[in-house]
Protein backbone atom coordinates (compact mmCIF):
# COMPACT_ATOMS: atom_id res chain seq x y z
CA MET A 1 -0.01 0.05 0.10
CA SER A 2 1.33 3.65 -0.87
CA ALA A 3 2.40 6.12 1.85
CA ILE A 4 -0.77 8.47 0.46
CA ALA A 5 -3.52 5.20 0.56
CA ASN A 6 -2.29 4.14 3.95
CA ASP A 7 -3.01 8.03 5.22
CA ILE A 8 -6.35 7.55 3.71
CA ALA A 9 -7.17 4.61 4.97
CA ALA A 10 -6.13 5.43 8.55
CA ASP A 11 -8.07 8.42 8.30
CA PHE A 12 -10.97 6.50 7.06
CA LEU A 13 -10.61 4.13 10.41
CA ILE A 14 -10.23 6.80 13.03
CA GLU A 15 -12.91 8.97 11.59
CA ALA A 16 -15.38 5.74 11.13
CA ARG A 17 -15.25 4.93 15.04
CA GLU A 18 -15.74 8.30 16.10
CA ILE A 19 -18.92 8.33 13.72
CA LEU A 20 -20.20 4.61 15.40
CA ASP A 21 -19.43 6.29 18.87
CA GLN A 22 -21.77 9.05 17.94
CA LEU A 23 -24.35 6.68 15.90
CA GLY A 24 -24.92 4.79 19.36
CA GLU A 25 -25.59 7.58 21.57
CA GLN A 26 -27.89 8.84 18.62
CA MET A 27 -29.90 5.32 17.90
CA VAL A 28 -30.67 5.47 21.46
CA ALA A 29 -32.23 8.38 21.39
CA LEU A 30 -33.85 7.90 18.43
CA GLU A 31 -35.46 4.80 20.11
CA HIS A 32 -36.73 7.13 22.94
CA ALA A 33 -38.57 9.27 20.21
CA HIS A 34 -38.64 7.36 16.90
CA THR A 35 -40.54 10.19 15.39
CA ASP A 36 -37.97 12.95 15.71
CA ARG A 37 -37.17 13.27 11.75
CA ASP A 38 -33.80 15.61 12.70
CA ALA A 39 -32.38 12.42 15.05
CA LEU A 40 -33.54 9.99 12.02
CA ASN A 41 -32.11 12.37 9.47
CA ALA A 42 -28.81 12.36 11.90
CA VAL A 43 -28.20 8.63 11.73
CA PHE A 44 -29.10 8.37 8.54
CA ARG A 45 -26.12 10.55 7.68
CA GLY A 46 -23.60 8.52 9.87
CA PHE A 47 -24.16 5.15 8.16
CA HIS A 48 -24.13 6.86 4.79
CA THR A 49 -20.83 8.79 5.49
CA ILE A 50 -19.20 5.47 6.31
CA LYS A 51 -20.88 3.74 3.29
CA GLY A 52 -19.14 6.31 1.34
CA GLY A 53 -15.40 6.09 2.80
CA ALA A 54 -15.71 2.20 2.74
CA GLY A 55 -16.83 2.00 -0.72
CA PHE A 56 -14.15 4.49 -2.08
CA LEU A 57 -11.38 2.06 -0.11
CA ASP A 58 -13.36 -1.15 -1.31
CA PHE A 59 -14.54 -2.40 2.00
CA GLY A 60 -17.25 -4.18 0.55
CA PRO A 61 -18.92 -6.11 3.76
CA MET A 62 -19.29 -2.35 5.46
CA VAL A 63 -21.17 -1.02 2.22
CA GLU A 64 -23.37 -3.88 2.28
CA ILE A 65 -24.26 -3.50 6.00
CA CYS A 66 -24.63 0.27 5.74
CA HIS A 67 -26.48 0.00 2.34
CA ALA A 68 -28.74 -2.28 3.85
CA VAL A 69 -29.59 -0.20 7.09
CA GLU A 70 -29.81 3.14 5.14
CA ASP A 71 -32.54 1.29 2.83
CA ARG A 72 -34.60 0.41 6.29
CA LEU A 73 -34.22 4.28 7.79
CA ASN A 74 -35.10 5.58 3.91
CA VAL A 75 -38.59 4.11 4.17
CA ALA A 76 -38.85 5.48 7.53
CA ARG A 77 -38.06 8.98 6.56
CA ASP A 78 -40.46 9.24 3.98
CA GLY A 79 -42.80 7.80 6.42
CA THR A 80 -43.58 4.57 4.29
CA VAL A 81 -42.63 1.88 7.06
CA PRO A 82 -42.05 3.77 10.62
CA MET A 83 -38.87 2.40 12.53
CA ASP A 84 -40.10 -0.63 15.02
CA ALA A 85 -38.50 -2.59 17.56
CA GLU A 86 -36.96 -5.10 15.04
CA ALA A 87 -35.52 -2.31 12.81
CA PHE A 88 -34.01 -0.40 16.06
CA ASP A 89 -32.48 -4.14 16.87
CA GLY A 90 -31.19 -4.57 13.57
CA ALA A 91 -29.53 -1.52 13.39
CA GLN A 92 -28.24 -1.71 16.78
CA GLN A 93 -26.69 -5.11 15.61
CA SER A 94 -25.22 -3.31 12.50
CA LEU A 95 -23.30 -0.91 14.74
CA ASP A 96 -21.81 -3.72 16.81
CA LEU A 97 -20.66 -5.51 13.21
CA LEU A 98 -19.21 -2.64 12.16
CA VAL A 99 -17.34 -1.97 15.01
CA ASP A 100 -16.09 -5.61 14.64
CA MET A 101 -15.35 -5.14 10.67
CA LEU A 102 -12.92 -1.79 11.68
CA ALA A 103 -10.92 -3.99 14.18
CA ALA A 104 -10.71 -6.73 11.57
CA ILE A 105 -9.45 -3.87 9.08
CA SER A 106 -6.97 -2.30 11.67
CA ASN A 107 -5.72 -5.83 12.26
CA GLY A 108 -4.82 -6.09 8.44
CA GLU A 109 -7.76 -8.96 8.19
CA GLU A 110 -10.67 -8.85 5.57
CA PRO A 111 -14.01 -8.31 7.13
CA GLU A 112 -16.46 -10.77 7.65
CA HIS A 113 -20.03 -10.14 5.66
CA ALA A 114 -23.11 -9.47 7.63
CA PRO A 115 -25.17 -12.44 8.69
CA PRO A 116 -27.91 -13.11 5.86
CA ALA A 117 -30.28 -13.34 8.28
CA LEU A 118 -30.02 -9.63 9.37
CA LEU A 119 -29.42 -8.35 6.05
CA LYS A 120 -32.84 -9.71 5.10
CA SER A 121 -34.18 -8.57 8.28
CA LEU A 122 -33.39 -5.07 7.54
CA ARG A 123 -34.43 -5.08 3.55
CA ASP A 124 -37.83 -6.85 4.65
CA GLY A 125 -38.45 -3.96 6.57
CA THR A 126 -38.37 -1.62 4.22
CA GLY A 127 -41.47 -3.56 2.24
CA ALA A 128 -39.62 -3.85 -1.02
CA GLY A 129 -37.56 -7.45 -0.05
CA ALA A 130 -34.04 -7.58 -1.14
CA THR A 131 -32.63 -4.05 -2.73
CA HIS A 132 -30.36 -4.01 -5.36
CA MET A 133 -26.36 -3.41 -4.30
CA PRO A 134 -24.57 -0.80 -6.53
CA THR A 135 -21.53 -2.07 -8.29
CA LEU A 136 -18.47 -0.89 -6.55
CA ALA A 137 -15.35 0.48 -8.21
CA ARG A 138 -12.59 -1.12 -7.79
CA ASN A 139 -9.71 0.65 -5.83
CA SER A 140 -5.82 -0.18 -5.01
CA VAL A 141 -6.23 -0.19 -1.57
CA PRO A 142 -6.67 -3.92 -0.43
CA ALA A 143 -8.35 -4.44 3.06
CA SER A 144 -6.12 -6.84 3.88
CA SER A 145 -3.23 -4.07 4.36
CA SER A 146 -2.11 -3.70 7.80
CA LEU A 147 -3.17 -0.13 8.75
CA PRO A 148 -1.20 2.74 10.98
CA CYS A 149 -4.16 3.58 13.48
CA SER A 150 -1.92 5.16 16.16
CA GLN A 151 -3.30 8.82 15.27
CA GLY A 152 -4.83 11.71 17.48
CA ARG A 153 -6.69 14.89 16.73
CA VAL A 154 -5.20 18.26 18.07
CA GLY A 155 -7.90 20.49 18.95
CA GLU A 156 -10.64 18.68 16.81
CA GLY A 157 -14.12 19.94 16.46
CA SER A 158 -17.68 18.40 17.84
CA GLU A 159 -18.23 16.93 14.58
CA PRO A 160 -15.78 14.70 12.83
CA ARG A 161 -14.95 14.94 9.20
CA ALA A 162 -15.23 11.46 7.49
CA ALA A 163 -14.77 10.09 4.13
CA SER A 164 -17.80 9.51 2.11
CA SER A 165 -19.44 9.44 -1.32
CA THR A 166 -23.14 9.82 -2.20
CA ARG A 167 -24.92 6.74 -3.53
CA GLU A 168 -26.91 7.05 -6.57
CA GLY A 169 -30.37 7.71 -5.71
CA SER A 170 -30.14 8.68 -2.15
CA ASP A 171 -31.84 11.37 -0.79
CA ALA A 172 -29.74 12.22 2.16
CA ASP A 173 -30.98 15.59 3.17
CA ALA A 174 -27.15 16.90 3.31
CA PRO A 175 -24.52 14.66 0.83
CA SER A 176 -21.29 14.09 2.73
CA PRO A 177 -18.27 15.85 1.41
CA PRO A 178 -15.84 13.73 -0.55
CA PRO A 179 -13.34 11.99 1.45
CA PRO A 180 -10.28 14.66 2.69
CA ASN A 181 -7.17 14.49 0.60
CA LEU A 182 -8.71 11.91 -1.95
CA PRO A 183 -7.34 11.80 -5.35
CA LEU A 184 -10.05 12.01 -7.80
CA ARG A 185 -10.94 9.46 -9.94
CA ALA A 186 -10.49 9.76 -13.95
CA GLY A 187 -12.86 9.39 -16.24
CA GLY A 188 -15.58 11.55 -14.65
CA GLY A 189 -18.12 13.05 -17.25
CA ALA A 190 -18.74 15.98 -14.85
CA LYS A 191 -16.46 19.21 -15.49
CA SER A 192 -14.59 20.88 -12.71
CA ALA A 193 -15.93 23.16 -10.45
CA PRO A 194 -14.25 26.45 -10.68
CA PRO A 195 -11.60 26.88 -8.16
CA THR A 196 -12.77 28.03 -4.34
CA LYS A 197 -10.92 29.33 -1.54
CA ALA A 198 -10.64 26.43 0.79
CA ALA A 199 -11.94 26.65 4.12
CA GLU A 200 -9.88 27.34 6.63
CA ASP A 201 -9.12 24.27 8.61
CA PRO A 202 -8.51 24.84 12.47
CA THR A 203 -7.38 21.32 13.34
CA VAL A 204 -4.35 19.18 12.17
CA ARG A 205 -4.28 15.45 12.62
CA VAL A 206 -1.18 14.36 14.83
CA ASP A 207 0.37 10.83 15.21
CA VAL A 208 -0.07 10.14 18.92
CA ARG A 209 3.95 8.94 19.24
CA ARG A 210 4.63 12.56 18.62
CA LEU A 211 2.53 14.01 21.27
CA ASP A 212 4.55 11.23 23.58
CA ALA A 213 7.81 12.51 22.30
CA MET A 214 6.89 15.86 23.33
CA VAL A 215 5.91 14.80 26.53
CA ASP A 216 9.02 12.83 27.16
CA LEU A 217 10.96 15.85 26.29
CA VAL A 218 9.10 18.31 28.43
CA GLY A 219 9.54 15.76 31.39
CA GLU A 220 13.51 15.54 30.54
CA LEU A 221 13.56 19.38 30.74
CA VAL A 222 11.47 19.36 33.86
CA LEU A 223 14.11 16.91 35.47
CA ALA A 224 17.04 19.59 34.45
CA ARG A 225 15.20 22.48 36.05
CA ASN A 226 14.64 20.46 39.36
CA ARG A 227 18.36 19.95 38.71
CA LEU A 228 19.24 23.31 38.63
CA LYS A 229 17.08 24.61 41.41
CA THR A 230 18.93 21.87 43.57
CA ILE A 231 22.12 23.34 42.62
CA ARG A 232 21.49 27.32 43.20
CA PRO A 233 21.32 27.59 46.73
CA ARG A 234 25.09 26.39 46.92
CA LEU A 235 26.35 29.03 44.24
CA ARG A 236 24.55 32.02 45.66
CA ASP A 237 24.65 33.80 42.27
CA GLU A 238 21.96 36.95 41.36
CA ASP A 239 22.11 36.23 37.68
CA LEU A 240 21.94 32.43 37.98
CA ASP A 241 18.81 32.92 40.16
CA ARG A 242 17.03 35.11 37.96
CA ALA A 243 17.74 32.80 34.87
CA VAL A 244 16.69 29.52 36.80
CA THR A 245 13.61 31.44 37.74
CA ALA A 246 12.83 32.14 34.33
CA LEU A 247 13.54 28.97 33.53
CA ASP A 248 11.14 27.65 35.74
CA VAL A 249 8.37 29.71 34.80
CA ALA A 250 8.88 29.24 30.78
CA THR A 251 8.97 25.40 32.09
CA SER A 252 5.93 25.30 33.54
CA ARG A 253 3.92 27.00 30.85
CA LEU A 254 5.41 24.69 28.11
CA GLN A 255 4.22 21.77 30.31
CA SER A 256 0.82 23.23 30.50
CA ALA A 257 0.81 23.69 26.91
CA VAL A 258 1.84 20.38 25.99
CA MET A 259 -0.39 18.59 28.37
CA MET A 260 -3.23 20.67 26.68
CA VAL A 261 -2.68 19.12 23.32
CA ARG A 262 -2.81 15.53 25.02
CA MET A 263 -6.26 16.46 26.43
CA GLN A 264 -9.73 15.04 24.92
CA PRO A 265 -12.99 15.20 26.26
CA VAL A 266 -14.47 12.22 28.46
CA GLY A 267 -17.48 12.09 26.25
CA ARG A 268 -15.09 10.02 24.04
CA VAL A 269 -15.67 7.33 26.18
CA PHE A 270 -19.06 8.42 27.57
CA ALA A 271 -20.55 8.30 24.17
CA ARG A 272 -20.34 4.43 23.99
CA PHE A 273 -22.30 4.04 27.12
CA PRO A 274 -26.14 4.75 25.69
CA LYS A 275 -26.22 1.59 23.74
CA LEU A 276 -24.29 -0.19 26.32
CA ALA A 277 -27.09 0.38 28.86
CA ARG A 278 -29.69 -0.19 26.31
CA ASP A 279 -28.59 -3.56 25.53
CA VAL A 280 -27.78 -4.55 29.10
CA ALA A 281 -31.16 -3.11 30.24
CA ARG A 282 -32.97 -5.10 27.43
CA GLN A 283 -31.06 -8.46 28.25
CA VAL A 284 -31.97 -8.16 32.16
CA LYS A 285 -35.21 -7.33 31.29
CA LYS A 286 -35.21 -3.82 33.02
CA SER A 287 -36.28 -0.33 32.36
CA VAL A 288 -33.55 2.13 32.76
CA GLU A 289 -32.48 5.89 31.89
CA LEU A 290 -28.88 6.49 31.40
CA GLU A 291 -28.15 10.08 32.39
CA ILE A 292 -24.83 11.67 31.24
CA VAL A 293 -23.49 14.82 33.00
CA GLY A 294 -20.16 16.67 32.41
CA ALA A 295 -18.96 15.11 29.09
CA GLU A 296 -16.63 17.98 28.11
CA THR A 297 -14.67 17.51 31.08
CA GLU A 298 -11.12 16.99 29.59
CA LEU A 299 -8.75 14.29 30.58
CA ASP A 300 -5.16 12.77 29.40
CA ARG A 301 -5.85 11.02 26.28
CA ASN A 302 -4.29 7.87 27.76
CA LEU A 303 -6.10 8.15 30.55
CA VAL A 304 -9.41 8.53 28.77
CA GLU A 305 -9.18 5.57 26.93
CA ALA A 306 -7.72 3.56 29.91
CA LEU A 307 -11.01 4.41 31.91
CA ALA A 308 -13.25 2.82 29.14
CA ASP A 309 -13.18 -0.63 30.68
CA PRO A 310 -13.45 0.39 34.61
CA LEU A 311 -16.71 2.14 33.52
CA VAL A 312 -18.19 -0.43 31.58
CA HIS A 313 -18.02 -2.72 34.22
CA LEU A 314 -19.67 -0.02 36.66
CA VAL A 315 -22.42 0.84 34.39
CA ARG A 316 -23.02 -2.88 33.79
CA ASN A 317 -23.13 -3.62 37.47
CA ALA A 318 -25.39 -0.52 38.02
CA ILE A 319 -28.10 -1.90 35.87
CA ASP A 320 -27.41 -5.60 36.81
CA HIS A 321 -26.98 -5.26 40.22
CA GLY A 322 -28.28 -2.06 41.25
CA ILE A 323 -31.42 -1.31 39.51
CA GLU A 324 -34.50 -3.44 40.59
CA SER A 325 -36.96 -5.46 38.15
CA PRO A 326 -39.91 -3.26 36.95
CA GLU A 327 -42.00 -5.15 39.44
CA ALA A 328 -39.87 -4.78 42.71
CA ARG A 329 -39.45 -0.97 42.03
CA ARG A 330 -43.50 -0.69 41.74
CA ALA A 331 -43.79 -2.35 44.76
CA ALA A 332 -40.73 -0.31 46.71
CA GLY A 333 -42.87 2.78 45.38
CA LYS A 334 -40.55 3.79 42.80
CA PRO A 335 -41.15 4.66 39.38
CA GLU A 336 -40.73 1.46 36.70
CA GLN A 337 -37.77 2.94 35.13
CA GLY A 338 -34.62 3.30 36.95
CA THR A 339 -31.61 5.79 36.42
CA VAL A 340 -27.88 5.60 35.99
CA ARG A 341 -26.31 8.57 36.22
CA LEU A 342 -22.99 8.78 34.67
CA SER A 343 -21.24 12.62 35.56
CA ALA A 344 -17.38 14.04 35.22
CA GLN A 345 -15.88 17.00 36.49
CA GLN A 346 -12.68 18.63 37.14
CA GLU A 347 -11.44 19.10 40.71
CA GLY A 348 -8.23 21.23 40.35
CA ASP A 349 -5.49 18.96 39.13
CA HIS A 350 -7.85 15.79 39.23
CA VAL A 351 -11.23 14.80 37.50
CA SER A 352 -13.87 12.85 39.42
CA ILE A 353 -15.81 10.30 37.46
CA GLU A 354 -19.20 9.16 39.27
CA VAL A 355 -21.49 6.19 38.35
CA SER A 356 -24.74 6.40 40.22
CA ASP A 357 -28.03 4.61 40.16
CA ASP A 358 -31.34 4.84 42.29
CA GLY A 359 -31.60 1.11 42.78
CA ALA A 360 -31.49 -1.18 45.73
CA GLY A 361 -28.09 -0.18 47.14
CA ILE A 362 -25.67 -2.41 48.65
CA ASP A 363 -26.47 -4.50 51.97
CA PRO A 364 -23.22 -4.33 54.04
CA GLU A 365 -24.33 -7.26 56.04
CA LYS A 366 -25.12 -8.83 52.80
CA ILE A 367 -21.58 -8.11 52.11
CA ARG A 368 -19.96 -9.25 55.07
CA ARG A 369 -22.07 -13.02 54.97
CA SER A 370 -21.01 -13.54 51.24
CA ALA A 371 -17.39 -12.66 52.15
CA ILE A 372 -17.30 -15.18 55.26
CA LYS A 373 -18.90 -17.91 53.13
CA LYS A 374 -16.49 -17.62 50.64
CA GLY A 375 -13.54 -17.55 52.91
CA LEU A 376 -12.29 -14.35 51.57
CA ILE A 377 -12.42 -13.01 55.46
CA ASP A 378 -12.69 -14.94 58.87
CA SER A 379 -15.70 -14.27 60.76
CA ASP A 380 -14.05 -12.43 63.65
CA ALA A 381 -12.22 -10.04 61.36
CA ALA A 382 -15.89 -9.90 59.50
CA ALA A 383 -17.42 -8.80 62.82
CA ARG A 384 -15.08 -5.88 63.50
CA LEU A 385 -15.81 -4.41 60.27
CA THR A 386 -17.70 -1.14 59.81
CA ALA A 387 -20.28 -0.79 57.41
CA ASP A 388 -18.21 1.30 55.04
CA GLU A 389 -15.21 -1.31 55.33
CA CYS A 390 -17.79 -3.85 54.52
CA LEU A 391 -18.59 -2.30 51.25
CA ASN A 392 -15.04 -2.46 50.27
CA LEU A 393 -15.11 -5.86 50.39
CA ILE A 394 -16.65 -6.28 46.88
CA PHE A 395 -12.93 -5.38 45.45
CA MET A 396 -11.63 -8.28 46.84
CA ALA A 397 -10.47 -10.99 44.02
CA GLY A 398 -13.90 -13.85 43.94
CA PHE A 399 -16.14 -11.58 45.82
CA SER A 400 -19.68 -11.96 44.39
CA THR A 401 -23.37 -12.17 45.86
CA ARG A 402 -24.77 -13.76 42.89
CA SER A 403 -25.67 -17.19 43.42
CA GLU A 404 -25.89 -17.76 39.62
CA VAL A 405 -23.57 -17.20 37.00
CA SER A 406 -24.81 -15.61 33.84
CA ASP A 407 -23.11 -13.84 30.86
CA LEU A 408 -23.20 -10.72 33.18
CA SER A 409 -22.16 -11.47 36.70
CA GLY A 410 -21.70 -14.02 39.23
CA ARG A 411 -18.16 -15.16 38.32
CA GLY A 412 -16.49 -13.29 41.07
CA VAL A 413 -14.30 -11.40 38.47
CA GLY A 414 -14.56 -7.65 38.03
CA MET A 415 -14.68 -4.96 41.01
CA ASP A 416 -11.12 -6.08 41.86
CA VAL A 417 -10.17 -5.22 38.55
CA VAL A 418 -11.93 -2.25 38.32
CA GLN A 419 -9.96 -1.15 41.43
CA SER A 420 -6.63 -2.36 39.95
CA LYS A 421 -7.23 -0.47 36.67
CA ILE A 422 -7.79 2.66 38.68
CA ARG A 423 -4.69 2.42 41.07
CA GLU A 424 -2.53 1.47 37.85
CA LEU A 425 -3.79 5.44 36.87
CA SER A 426 -2.68 6.29 40.09
CA GLY A 427 -6.17 7.00 41.30
CA GLN A 428 -9.01 5.76 43.44
CA VAL A 429 -12.30 4.57 43.85
CA GLN A 430 -14.91 4.87 46.62
CA ILE A 431 -17.88 3.28 47.48
CA HIS A 432 -21.18 5.36 48.79
CA SER A 433 -24.38 3.29 49.25
CA GLU A 434 -27.40 3.30 51.16
CA VAL A 435 -30.17 0.23 51.10
CA GLY A 436 -33.21 1.25 49.10
CA ARG A 437 -32.03 4.41 47.95
CA GLY A 438 -29.00 3.41 45.40
CA SER A 439 -25.21 3.59 45.32
CA ARG A 440 -22.29 5.72 43.79
CA PHE A 441 -18.76 4.66 42.81
CA ALA A 442 -16.65 7.88 42.84
CA ILE A 443 -13.42 7.76 40.78
CA ARG A 444 -10.76 10.14 41.16
CA VAL A 445 -7.85 10.42 38.93
CA PRO A 446 -5.18 12.88 37.85
CA LEU A 447 -5.69 14.92 35.16
CA THR A 448 -2.03 13.38 33.50
CA LEU A 449 0.35 10.45 34.32
CA ALA A 450 3.31 12.24 32.93
CA ILE A 451 4.22 14.60 35.49
CA LEU A 452 3.14 13.83 39.32
CA PRO A 453 3.16 16.52 42.47
CA THR A 454 5.24 14.98 45.20
CA LEU A 455 6.31 15.49 48.65
CA LEU A 456 9.92 13.91 48.99
CA ILE A 457 10.93 11.85 52.17
CA GLU A 458 13.89 10.35 53.27
CA LEU A 459 14.75 7.43 55.18
CA GLU A 460 18.34 7.25 56.08
CA GLU A 461 20.18 7.60 52.55
CA ASP A 462 17.24 6.89 50.58
CA VAL A 463 14.55 9.32 49.23
CA TYR A 464 10.62 8.34 48.05
CA ALA A 465 7.94 10.25 46.75
CA LEU A 466 4.57 10.26 48.03
CA PRO A 467 1.64 11.43 45.57
CA LEU A 468 1.04 15.33 46.88
CA VAL A 469 -3.07 14.81 46.52
CA ARG A 470 -2.58 11.96 49.14
CA VAL A 471 -1.07 13.87 51.59
CA VAL A 472 -3.25 15.61 54.33
CA GLU A 473 -0.69 17.12 56.98
CA VAL A 474 2.73 16.95 57.87
CA LEU A 475 3.34 16.27 61.82
CA ALA A 476 6.31 16.98 64.04
CA HIS A 477 8.03 14.05 65.88
CA ASP A 478 7.50 15.66 69.05
CA ARG A 479 3.63 15.53 68.46
CA ILE A 480 3.72 11.75 68.10
CA GLU A 481 2.66 9.45 70.78
CA PRO A 482 1.68 6.11 69.91
CA LEU A 483 -0.23 3.62 71.71
CA TRP A 484 -1.89 -0.22 70.92
CA VAL A 485 -5.48 -0.52 70.10
CA ASP A 486 -6.71 -4.23 69.40
CA GLY A 487 -3.20 -4.94 68.22
CA GLN A 488 -2.69 -2.20 65.85
CA ARG A 489 -0.54 0.44 66.29
CA MET A 490 -2.22 4.13 66.50
CA LEU A 491 -2.07 7.56 66.72
CA ASP A 492 -4.42 9.97 68.46
CA LEU A 493 -5.05 12.85 66.49
CA ARG A 494 -7.07 15.29 67.68
CA ASP A 495 -9.04 12.62 69.19
CA GLN A 496 -9.40 10.47 65.98
CA PRO A 497 -7.45 7.17 66.04
CA LEU A 498 -5.41 6.62 63.19
CA PRO A 499 -3.24 3.63 62.28
CA LEU A 500 0.41 4.46 62.50
CA ILE A 501 2.82 2.55 59.67
CA GLU A 502 6.38 2.99 60.33
CA LEU A 503 8.41 3.08 56.78
CA ARG A 504 11.21 1.62 58.27
CA THR A 505 9.40 -1.44 59.59
CA TRP A 506 7.67 -1.85 56.21
CA LEU A 507 10.76 -1.83 54.24
CA GLY A 508 12.36 -4.60 56.76
CA LEU A 509 15.13 -2.14 58.47
CA ALA A 510 15.97 -2.38 61.78
CA PRO A 511 13.83 0.08 64.51
CA GLN A 512 15.78 2.77 65.79
CA PRO A 513 14.25 3.71 68.83
CA GLY A 514 14.62 7.26 70.36
CA ALA A 515 15.17 8.68 66.90
CA ALA A 516 13.65 11.82 65.46
CA THR A 517 10.90 10.98 63.36
CA THR A 518 8.29 12.72 60.86
CA CYS A 519 4.56 12.00 60.52
CA VAL A 520 2.99 12.21 57.31
CA VAL A 521 -0.73 12.07 57.45
CA LEU A 522 -1.86 10.09 53.95
CA GLN A 523 -5.10 9.70 52.50
CA SER A 524 -6.63 6.22 51.01
CA GLY A 525 -10.05 6.19 49.94
CA ASP A 526 -12.11 7.05 52.77
CA SER A 527 -9.31 6.29 55.47
CA ARG A 528 -6.73 7.97 56.95
CA PHE A 529 -3.39 7.00 58.35
CA CYS A 530 0.10 7.78 59.41
CA LEU A 531 3.30 7.09 58.12
CA THR A 532 6.44 7.76 60.02
CA VAL A 533 9.61 8.73 58.15
CA ASP A 534 12.88 10.39 58.99
CA ARG A 535 12.47 13.40 57.30
CA VAL A 536 10.25 15.51 55.28
CA ARG A 537 12.41 17.19 52.03
CA GLY A 538 9.66 18.79 50.68
CA ARG A 539 7.37 19.21 47.41
CA GLU A 540 8.88 18.44 44.10
CA GLU A 541 7.52 17.68 40.45
CA VAL A 542 8.75 14.24 39.33
CA VAL A 543 8.69 12.66 35.91
CA ILE A 544 7.11 8.81 36.40
CA LYS A 545 9.22 6.31 34.79
CA ALA A 546 8.57 2.39 35.10
CA LEU A 547 9.83 0.51 38.20
CA PRO A 548 13.73 -1.21 38.10
CA ARG A 549 13.19 -4.85 37.09
CA THR A 550 13.84 -6.01 40.52
CA LEU A 551 11.05 -4.11 42.18
CA ARG A 552 8.30 -4.85 39.49
CA GLY A 553 5.55 -7.09 40.86
CA LEU A 554 6.39 -5.70 44.41
CA ALA A 555 3.36 -4.49 46.45
CA GLY A 556 3.41 -0.81 47.48
CA TYR A 557 5.44 0.83 44.71
CA ALA A 558 4.00 2.82 41.86
CA GLY A 559 7.03 3.99 39.85
CA ALA A 560 10.58 5.76 40.04
CA SER A 561 12.07 9.14 39.55
CA LEU A 562 14.78 11.13 39.41
CA VAL A 563 14.47 14.03 41.73
CA GLY A 564 17.00 17.10 41.79
CA ASP A 565 19.80 15.96 43.48
CA GLY A 566 20.42 13.33 40.85
CA ARG A 567 19.49 10.50 43.00
CA MET A 568 16.13 7.90 42.19
CA ALA A 569 13.28 8.39 44.36
CA LEU A 570 10.60 5.15 44.65
CA ILE A 571 7.33 6.03 44.15
CA LEU A 572 5.11 4.44 46.98
CA ASP A 573 1.65 3.46 46.57
CA VAL A 574 -0.22 4.67 49.29
CA ASP A 575 -3.29 2.03 48.92
CA ALA A 576 -1.14 -0.90 48.64
CA LEU A 577 1.23 0.47 51.58
CA LEU A 578 -1.89 0.72 53.81
CA ARG A 579 -2.76 -2.83 53.11
CA THR A 580 0.21 -4.61 53.27
CA GLY A 581 1.40 -2.09 56.30
CA LEU A 582 -1.59 -2.80 58.06
CA ARG A 583 -0.98 -6.38 57.82
CA GLY A 584 2.84 -6.04 59.43
CA SER A 585 1.73 -3.86 62.06
CA SER A 586 -1.06 -6.13 63.51
CA SER A 587 1.63 -9.11 63.33
CA ALA A 588 3.95 -7.16 65.15
CA GLY A 589 1.34 -6.14 67.52
CA ARG A 590 0.61 -9.78 68.22
CA ASP A 591 4.34 -10.52 68.73
CA ARG A 592 4.58 -7.87 71.58
């Protein structure tokens, strides 16, 4: 495949995915208001645009299924045969097939044709039986070629520009323009239109790898800046001070600008959920409305994509586990239709994403009994758990309250994976639930993972970093008066007992009785705990790097970074530190 053809095909794949995401949302809206002509026209144009681009690139199976859906939508548009449940099901199945076809093409495979039964169902719905498929002009771009798809868009508008061509006899309200940058075919009978001034396009498509390279270079610049800021006090040179201050400001501005380029609205992921909610609700025979709020909230592109799978699981769970059946909701005095709400908002340098429902809520006692029954926790330990701590048991591997196994749930796999994924993103997930009123899962992740504000701490000659967002306060050593409660070392902080973990003990180092220490109060979900260290060095932005090979797989570490004095600092995983630290502290307490 030539470089030009490669670029054309890659553009088509990217834009077709964008259109399919929009179509999923538009189809659900149309199903709720099937007489809305504007919505019907929007769906028609979406399939028509994909078909045009697929036809130019000779992706026959895509053209075939789009053509069949177009015909069914066309008779609904002219009022001949209204859209019914069978037509909506067929169109939704077609969307799923088109997604699979795009995936196959991306992998260099030939897309499979749609099932004949689906094509027949769509064509029968037109009232005209089988329709004549237009003959496709052969193109030099083979579907089996491997296509590059690692591209993103900078400054993109709300409407995707997709490749298309207008089929003969189509009465689309606004025929789609020809694909951008596509060469014209020779032999056309129409005369060329007079040249016109091209509309200015404020966007440019950039390979994501170039953006990643920019972020890496900014990271190197941040490291160099930190190094200069560390050296500056020793030199005591006014000119150097001014230069480093100017460099600090410029680096911060450049860092913000590069991060903004990588930002994308979470709506790119949220757009998938109306169709998902519809499909799951139909599968479990429930009536559910999905509300989406804050889709314009922006997040680092890598985080947007990484959040897709955890959010899919949470939305499925809300419908399958949370929302009651119509009969149960009537008996409880609720409307038959349940509501699932997916929202996002920026909070400083973090983004909060919530999945909530107005269903039955989560019963802590049921969770407690199920965890004991499955052997995930012993009865004595379970009895000491608070209601909120019981809710967190659902994040344990193998946990499920379902006695039967279905395609959606009951296998004990899912919520632990959700928590693991969120932790990989340096985020946290919290549960809030009230029996009979519903549940809310709150996810909090940083705007970007490339550069992390941290609090640097020291133990002997080693440096460690704590994510600054998890730091609540720092206590001087003379205010630390530990006590033992139920075998756990605690710190009474303003009449609030907090678990106390010694970093020295956690690392397996010998204790140093009487040595001066500092205590850092950290936040992990809804819980707080105290971590004792030798010294607090101060705040510093660090560039996150992968862990050294010898530390990979060890609990308690989230990454590594070089700090201003040139030493390597290990970034501590606060959640894992609490889990493993409490186990070690309790064991030490039992040995006393």
